[in-house]
Amino acid sequence: MTTLYAYYDPDADIAWLPTGHSDRVVSEEVEWGLVDHDAATDEVVAVEIWAASKRLPPAVLNVLPRPGKSHGVAA
């Protein structure tokens, strides 16, 4: 199984928080970002939070790695 890593991109102001794996993902746009569902089971496999600096506490954003780093916060 591949380890999933959350990240925060301050340039885009997006936080990505994986919750599981899926080979086929369906994305649902919501007011605050995207919810990714497994196409077969409808299980949530990730959330993408837009305008993350306004929606998440700075303490959370500060511990999330930037995209492209080889390490991160494992989910």
PDB file of N, CA and C in Angstrom:
ATOM      1  N   MET A   1       0.835  -1.178   0.000  1.00  0.00           N
ATOM      2  CA  MET A   1       0.000   0.000   0.000  1.00  0.00           C
ATOM      3  C   MET A   1       0.884   1.247   0.000  1.00  0.00           C
ATOM      4  N   THR A   2       0.523   2.231  -0.781  1.00  0.00           N
ATOM      5  CA  THR A   2       1.253   3.476  -0.864  1.00  0.00           C
ATOM      6  C   THR A   2       0.848   4.392   0.285  1.00  0.00           C
ATOM      7  N   THR A   3       1.845   5.042   0.891  1.00  0.00           N
ATOM      8  CA  THR A   3       1.548   6.000   1.948  1.00  0.00           C
ATOM      9  C   THR A   3       0.995   7.272   1.320  1.00  0.00           C
ATOM     10  N   LEU A   4      -0.025   7.807   1.908  1.00  0.00           N
ATOM     11  CA  LEU A   4      -0.640   9.043   1.431  1.00  0.00           C
ATOM     12  C   LEU A   4      -0.108  10.211   2.248  1.00  0.00           C
ATOM     13  N   TYR A   5       0.135  11.331   1.597  1.00  0.00           N
ATOM     14  CA  TYR A   5       0.635  12.511   2.296  1.00  0.00           C
ATOM     15  C   TYR A   5      -0.252  13.716   2.047  1.00  0.00           C
ATOM     16  N   ALA A   6      -0.586  14.378   3.128  1.00  0.00           N
ATOM     17  CA  ALA A   6      -1.317  15.637   3.049  1.00  0.00           C
ATOM     18  C   ALA A   6      -0.318  16.736   2.724  1.00  0.00           C
ATOM     19  N   TYR A   7      -0.795  17.833   2.135  1.00  0.00           N
ATOM     20  CA  TYR A   7       0.083  18.973   1.893  1.00  0.00           C
ATOM     21  C   TYR A   7      -0.721  20.261   1.850  1.00  0.00           C
ATOM     22  N   TYR A   8       0.013  21.374   1.931  1.00  0.00           N
ATOM     23  CA  TYR A   8      -0.576  22.699   1.792  1.00  0.00           C
ATOM     24  C   TYR A   8       0.248  23.477   0.777  1.00  0.00           C
ATOM     25  N   ASP A   9      -0.398  24.000  -0.251  1.00  0.00           N
ATOM     26  CA  ASP A   9       0.252  24.822  -1.268  1.00  0.00           C
ATOM     27  C   ASP A   9      -0.124  26.278  -0.994  1.00  0.00           C
ATOM     28  N   PRO A  10       0.801  27.063  -0.401  1.00  0.00           N
ATOM     29  CA  PRO A  10       0.455  28.442  -0.072  1.00  0.00           C
ATOM     30  C   PRO A  10       0.245  29.329  -1.301  1.00  0.00           C
ATOM     31  N   ASP A  11       0.884  29.000  -2.422  1.00  0.00           N
ATOM     32  CA  ASP A  11       0.684  29.806  -3.634  1.00  0.00           C
ATOM     33  C   ASP A  11      -0.744  29.687  -4.153  1.00  0.00           C
ATOM     34  N   ALA A  12      -1.281  28.465  -4.116  1.00  0.00           N
ATOM     35  CA  ALA A  12      -2.661  28.236  -4.552  1.00  0.00           C
ATOM     36  C   ALA A  12      -3.646  28.368  -3.394  1.00  0.00           C
ATOM     37  N   ASP A  13      -3.132  28.377  -2.157  1.00  0.00           N
ATOM     38  CA  ASP A  13      -3.931  28.402  -0.926  1.00  0.00           C
ATOM     39  C   ASP A  13      -4.893  27.220  -0.867  1.00  0.00           C
ATOM     40  N   ILE A  14      -4.324  26.028  -1.163  1.00  0.00           N
ATOM     41  CA  ILE A  14      -5.094  24.791  -1.172  1.00  0.00           C
ATOM     42  C   ILE A  14      -4.428  23.774  -0.245  1.00  0.00           C
ATOM     43  N   ALA A  15      -5.236  23.146   0.594  1.00  0.00           N
ATOM     44  CA  ALA A  15      -4.769  22.025   1.412  1.00  0.00           C
ATOM     45  C   ALA A  15      -5.393  20.760   0.846  1.00  0.00           C
ATOM     46  N   TRP A  16      -4.580  19.707   0.739  1.00  0.00           N
ATOM     47  CA  TRP A  16      -5.058  18.423   0.239  1.00  0.00           C
ATOM     48  C   TRP A  16      -4.884  17.399   1.337  1.00  0.00           C
ATOM     49  N   LEU A  17      -5.976  16.746   1.706  1.00  0.00           N
ATOM     50  CA  LEU A  17      -5.980  15.794   2.818  1.00  0.00           C
ATOM     51  C   LEU A  17      -6.547  14.457   2.350  1.00  0.00           C
ATOM     52  N   PRO A  18      -5.670  13.487   2.095  1.00  0.00           N
ATOM     53  CA  PRO A  18      -6.162  12.185   1.654  1.00  0.00           C
ATOM     54  C   PRO A  18      -6.702  11.375   2.824  1.00  0.00           C
ATOM     55  N   THR A  19      -7.682  10.539   2.547  1.00  0.00           N
ATOM     56  CA  THR A  19      -8.266   9.693   3.587  1.00  0.00           C
ATOM     57  C   THR A  19      -8.276   8.223   3.186  1.00  0.00           C
ATOM     58  N   GLY A  20      -7.906   7.910   1.954  1.00  0.00           N
ATOM     59  CA  GLY A  20      -7.913   6.533   1.489  1.00  0.00           C
ATOM     60  C   GLY A  20      -7.383   6.430   0.073  1.00  0.00           C
ATOM     61  N   HIS A  21      -7.522   5.243  -0.502  1.00  0.00           N
ATOM     62  CA  HIS A  21      -7.047   4.957  -1.858  1.00  0.00           C
ATOM     63  C   HIS A  21      -8.215   4.653  -2.773  1.00  0.00           C
ATOM     64  N   SER A  22      -8.016   4.944  -4.053  1.00  0.00           N
ATOM     65  CA  SER A  22      -8.994   4.561  -5.058  1.00  0.00           C
ATOM     66  C   SER A  22      -8.330   4.570  -6.424  1.00  0.00           C
ATOM     67  N   ASP A  23      -8.698   3.611  -7.262  1.00  0.00           N
ATOM     68  CA  ASP A  23      -8.222   3.594  -8.642  1.00  0.00           C
ATOM     69  C   ASP A  23      -9.100   4.455  -9.543  1.00  0.00           C
ATOM     70  N   ARG A  24     -10.333   4.676  -9.114  1.00  0.00           N
ATOM     71  CA  ARG A  24     -11.263   5.509  -9.888  1.00  0.00           C
ATOM     72  C   ARG A  24     -11.919   6.508  -8.945  1.00  0.00           C
ATOM     73  N   VAL A  25     -11.593   7.767  -9.144  1.00  0.00           N
ATOM     74  CA  VAL A  25     -12.084   8.828  -8.263  1.00  0.00           C
ATOM     75  C   VAL A  25     -13.089   9.700  -9.005  1.00  0.00           C
ATOM     76  N   VAL A  26     -14.143  10.051  -8.300  1.00  0.00           N
ATOM     77  CA  VAL A  26     -15.124  11.017  -8.777  1.00  0.00           C
ATOM     78  C   VAL A  26     -15.039  12.208  -7.847  1.00  0.00           C
ATOM     79  N   SER A  27     -14.832  13.396  -8.412  1.00  0.00           N
ATOM     80  CA  SER A  27     -14.713  14.611  -7.602  1.00  0.00           C
ATOM     81  C   SER A  27     -16.039  15.349  -7.573  1.00  0.00           C
ATOM     82  N   GLU A  28     -16.407  15.771  -6.382  1.00  0.00           N
ATOM     83  CA  GLU A  28     -17.629  16.553  -6.177  1.00  0.00           C
ATOM     84  C   GLU A  28     -17.213  17.940  -5.712  1.00  0.00           C
ATOM     85  N   GLU A  29     -17.595  18.958  -6.473  1.00  0.00           N
ATOM     86  CA  GLU A  29     -17.273  20.324  -6.066  1.00  0.00           C
ATOM     87  C   GLU A  29     -18.284  20.784  -5.017  1.00  0.00           C
ATOM     88  N   VAL A  30     -17.746  21.321  -3.934  1.00  0.00           N
ATOM     89  CA  VAL A  30     -18.558  21.893  -2.874  1.00  0.00           C
ATOM     90  C   VAL A  30     -18.120  23.336  -2.688  1.00  0.00           C
ATOM     91  N   GLU A  31     -18.812  24.085  -1.861  1.00  0.00           N
ATOM     92  CA  GLU A  31     -18.535  25.518  -1.681  1.00  0.00           C
ATOM     93  C   GLU A  31     -17.095  25.777  -1.248  1.00  0.00           C
ATOM     94  N   TRP A  32     -16.503  24.904  -0.465  1.00  0.00           N
ATOM     95  CA  TRP A  32     -15.171  25.123   0.101  1.00  0.00           C
ATOM     96  C   TRP A  32     -14.054  24.371  -0.608  1.00  0.00           C
ATOM     97  N   GLY A  33     -14.395  23.574  -1.670  1.00  0.00           N
ATOM     98  CA  GLY A  33     -13.352  22.849  -2.389  1.00  0.00           C
ATOM     99  C   GLY A  33     -13.881  21.628  -3.107  1.00  0.00           C
ATOM    100  N   LEU A  34     -13.145  20.508  -2.989  1.00  0.00           N
ATOM    101  CA  LEU A  34     -13.526  19.266  -3.643  1.00  0.00           C
ATOM    102  C   LEU A  34     -13.563  18.123  -2.633  1.00  0.00           C
ATOM    103  N   VAL A  35     -14.487  17.210  -2.858  1.00  0.00           N
ATOM    104  CA  VAL A  35     -14.534  15.960  -2.113  1.00  0.00           C
ATOM    105  C   VAL A  35     -14.350  14.858  -3.155  1.00  0.00           C
ATOM    106  N   ASP A  36     -13.307  14.045  -2.994  1.00  0.00           N
ATOM    107  CA  ASP A  36     -13.044  12.943  -3.913  1.00  0.00           C
ATOM    108  C   ASP A  36     -13.622  11.663  -3.336  1.00  0.00           C
ATOM    109  N   HIS A  37     -14.438  10.980  -4.147  1.00  0.00           N
ATOM    110  CA  HIS A  37     -15.096   9.737  -3.748  1.00  0.00           C
ATOM    111  C   HIS A  37     -14.580   8.587  -4.604  1.00  0.00           C
ATOM    112  N   ASP A  38     -14.511   7.401  -4.023  1.00  0.00           N
ATOM    113  CA  ASP A  38     -14.252   6.201  -4.798  1.00  0.00           C
ATOM    114  C   ASP A  38     -15.473   5.972  -5.689  1.00  0.00           C
ATOM    115  N   ALA A  39     -15.258   5.752  -6.970  1.00  0.00           N
ATOM    116  CA  ALA A  39     -16.360   5.617  -7.917  1.00  0.00           C
ATOM    117  C   ALA A  39     -17.236   4.398  -7.625  1.00  0.00           C
ATOM    118  N   ALA A  40     -16.643   3.341  -7.103  1.00  0.00           N
ATOM    119  CA  ALA A  40     -17.405   2.110  -6.865  1.00  0.00           C
ATOM    120  C   ALA A  40     -18.144   2.120  -5.527  1.00  0.00           C
ATOM    121  N   THR A  41     -17.489   2.640  -4.481  1.00  0.00           N
ATOM    122  CA  THR A  41     -18.065   2.536  -3.130  1.00  0.00           C
ATOM    123  C   THR A  41     -18.628   3.848  -2.594  1.00  0.00           C
ATOM    124  N   ASP A  42     -18.319   4.955  -3.249  1.00  0.00           N
ATOM    125  CA  ASP A  42     -18.695   6.307  -2.825  1.00  0.00           C
ATOM    126  C   ASP A  42     -17.987   6.731  -1.538  1.00  0.00           C
ATOM    127  N   GLU A  43     -16.998   5.948  -1.104  1.00  0.00           N
ATOM    128  CA  GLU A  43     -16.211   6.296   0.085  1.00  0.00           C
ATOM    129  C   GLU A  43     -15.373   7.548  -0.210  1.00  0.00           C
ATOM    130  N   VAL A  44     -15.288   8.459   0.745  1.00  0.00           N
ATOM    131  CA  VAL A  44     -14.460   9.658   0.593  1.00  0.00           C
ATOM    132  C   VAL A  44     -12.992   9.240   0.673  1.00  0.00           C
ATOM    133  N   VAL A  45     -12.212   9.616  -0.343  1.00  0.00           N
ATOM    134  CA  VAL A  45     -10.797   9.254  -0.376  1.00  0.00           C
ATOM    135  C   VAL A  45      -9.878  10.466  -0.280  1.00  0.00           C
ATOM    136  N   ALA A  46     -10.422  11.675  -0.366  1.00  0.00           N
ATOM    137  CA  ALA A  46      -9.615  12.881  -0.179  1.00  0.00           C
ATOM    138  C   ALA A  46     -10.523  14.104  -0.146  1.00  0.00           C
ATOM    139  N   VAL A  47     -10.021  15.147   0.489  1.00  0.00           N
ATOM    140  CA  VAL A  47     -10.678  16.452   0.416  1.00  0.00           C
ATOM    141  C   VAL A  47      -9.625  17.485   0.034  1.00  0.00           C
ATOM    142  N   GLU A  48     -10.039  18.419  -0.789  1.00  0.00           N
ATOM    143  CA  GLU A  48      -9.183  19.528  -1.199  1.00  0.00           C
ATOM    144  C   GLU A  48      -9.866  20.800  -0.709  1.00  0.00           C
ATOM    145  N   ILE A  49      -9.193  21.526   0.146  1.00  0.00           N
ATOM    146  CA  ILE A  49      -9.791  22.703   0.774  1.00  0.00           C
ATOM    147  C   ILE A  49      -9.237  23.958   0.120  1.00  0.00           C
ATOM    148  N   TRP A  50     -10.113  24.707  -0.546  1.00  0.00           N
ATOM    149  CA  TRP A  50      -9.738  25.955  -1.199  1.00  0.00           C
ATOM    150  C   TRP A  50      -9.783  27.083  -0.178  1.00  0.00           C
ATOM    151  N   ALA A  51      -8.994  28.133  -0.417  1.00  0.00           N
ATOM    152  CA  ALA A  51      -8.889  29.253   0.529  1.00  0.00           C
ATOM    153  C   ALA A  51      -8.576  28.705   1.919  1.00  0.00           C
ATOM    154  N   ALA A  52      -7.648  27.755   1.953  1.00  0.00           N
ATOM    155  CA  ALA A  52      -7.323  27.041   3.187  1.00  0.00           C
ATOM    156  C   ALA A  52      -6.867  27.969   4.304  1.00  0.00           C
ATOM    157  N   SER A  53      -6.191  29.057   3.965  1.00  0.00           N
ATOM    158  CA  SER A  53      -5.716  29.979   5.004  1.00  0.00           C
ATOM    159  C   SER A  53      -6.861  30.678   5.722  1.00  0.00           C
ATOM    160  N   LYS A  54      -8.037  30.694   5.123  1.00  0.00           N
ATOM    161  CA  LYS A  54      -9.219  31.290   5.759  1.00  0.00           C
ATOM    162  C   LYS A  54     -10.071  30.233   6.465  1.00  0.00           C
ATOM    163  N   ARG A  55      -9.874  28.963   6.118  1.00  0.00           N
ATOM    164  CA  ARG A  55     -10.744  27.903   6.626  1.00  0.00           C
ATOM    165  C   ARG A  55     -10.089  27.001   7.668  1.00  0.00           C
ATOM    166  N   LEU A  56      -8.752  26.953   7.677  1.00  0.00           N
ATOM    167  CA  LEU A  56      -8.038  26.084   8.614  1.00  0.00           C
ATOM    168  C   LEU A  56      -7.162  26.917   9.541  1.00  0.00           C
ATOM    169  N   PRO A  57      -6.951  26.459  10.758  1.00  0.00           N
ATOM    170  CA  PRO A  57      -6.099  27.198  11.691  1.00  0.00           C
ATOM    171  C   PRO A  57      -4.643  27.236  11.195  1.00  0.00           C
ATOM    172  N   PRO A  58      -3.937  28.339  11.442  1.00  0.00           N
ATOM    173  CA  PRO A  58      -2.531  28.428  11.054  1.00  0.00           C
ATOM    174  C   PRO A  58      -1.693  27.274  11.609  1.00  0.00           C
ATOM    175  N   ALA A  59      -2.010  26.797  12.794  1.00  0.00           N
ATOM    176  CA  ALA A  59      -1.242  25.691  13.378  1.00  0.00           C
ATOM    177  C   ALA A  59      -1.328  24.433  12.505  1.00  0.00           C
ATOM    178  N   VAL A  60      -2.450  24.208  11.857  1.00  0.00           N
ATOM    179  CA  VAL A  60      -2.596  23.061  10.952  1.00  0.00           C
ATOM    180  C   VAL A  60      -1.796  23.301   9.678  1.00  0.00           C
ATOM    181  N   LEU A  61      -1.956  24.465   9.085  1.00  0.00           N
ATOM    182  CA  LEU A  61      -1.255  24.763   7.830  1.00  0.00           C
ATOM    183  C   LEU A  61       0.265  24.741   8.013  1.00  0.00           C
ATOM    184  N   ASN A  62       0.736  25.181   9.163  1.00  0.00           N
ATOM    185  CA  ASN A  62       2.179  25.240   9.408  1.00  0.00           C
ATOM    186  C   ASN A  62       2.824  23.869   9.492  1.00  0.00           C
ATOM    187  N   VAL A  63       2.079  22.831   9.863  1.00  0.00           N
ATOM    188  CA  VAL A  63       2.671  21.491   9.957  1.00  0.00           C
ATOM    189  C   VAL A  63       2.539  20.707   8.650  1.00  0.00           C
ATOM    190  N   LEU A  64       1.710  21.169   7.733  1.00  0.00           N
ATOM    191  CA  LEU A  64       1.580  20.476   6.455  1.00  0.00           C
ATOM    192  C   LEU A  64       2.751  20.837   5.548  1.00  0.00           C
ATOM    193  N   PRO A  65       3.353  19.843   4.889  1.00  0.00           N
ATOM    194  CA  PRO A  65       4.462  20.131   3.977  1.00  0.00           C
ATOM    195  C   PRO A  65       3.966  20.824   2.716  1.00  0.00           C
ATOM    196  N   ARG A  66       4.875  21.392   1.985  1.00  0.00           N
ATOM    197  CA  ARG A  66       4.569  22.004   0.696  1.00  0.00           C
ATOM    198  C   ARG A  66       4.563  20.907  -0.363  1.00  0.00           C
ATOM    199  N   PRO A  67       3.829  21.097  -1.476  1.00  0.00           N
ATOM    200  CA  PRO A  67       3.792  20.055  -2.504  1.00  0.00           C
ATOM    201  C   PRO A  67       5.187  19.795  -3.070  1.00  0.00           C
ATOM    202  N   GLY A  68       5.416  18.552  -3.442  1.00  0.00           N
ATOM    203  CA  GLY A  68       6.687  18.191  -4.041  1.00  0.00           C
ATOM    204  C   GLY A  68       7.771  17.800  -3.060  1.00  0.00           C
ATOM    205  N   LYS A  69       7.526  17.943  -1.780  1.00  0.00           N
ATOM    206  CA  LYS A  69       8.489  17.526  -0.773  1.00  0.00           C
ATOM    207  C   LYS A  69       8.480  16.006  -0.698  1.00  0.00           C
ATOM    208  N   SER A  70       9.617  15.431  -0.346  1.00  0.00           N
ATOM    209  CA  SER A  70       9.697  13.977  -0.257  1.00  0.00           C
ATOM    210  C   SER A  70       9.200  13.447   1.075  1.00  0.00           C
ATOM    211  N   HIS A  71       8.823  14.328   1.975  1.00  0.00           N
ATOM    212  CA  HIS A  71       8.276  13.916   3.260  1.00  0.00           C
ATOM    213  C   HIS A  71       6.979  14.678   3.492  1.00  0.00           C
ATOM    214  N   GLY A  72       6.252  14.277   4.493  1.00  0.00           N
ATOM    215  CA  GLY A  72       5.009  14.971   4.747  1.00  0.00           C
ATOM    216  C   GLY A  72       4.285  14.389   5.927  1.00  0.00           C
ATOM    217  N   VAL A  73       3.063  14.760   6.043  1.00  0.00           N
ATOM    218  CA  VAL A  73       2.208  14.290   7.114  1.00  0.00           C
ATOM    219  C   VAL A  73       1.432  13.111   6.561  1.00  0.00           C
ATOM    220  N   ALA A  74       1.725  11.935   7.042  1.00  0.00           N
ATOM    221  CA  ALA A  74       1.064  10.738   6.523  1.00  0.00           C
ATOM    222  C   ALA A  74      -0.376  10.671   7.011  1.00  0.00           C
ATOM    223  N   ALA A  75      -1.233  10.231   6.116  1.00  0.00           N
ATOM    224  CA  ALA A  75      -2.644  10.063   6.457  1.00  0.00           C
ATOM    225  C   ALA A  75      -2.944   8.609   6.701  1.00  0.00           C
TER     226      ALA A  75
END
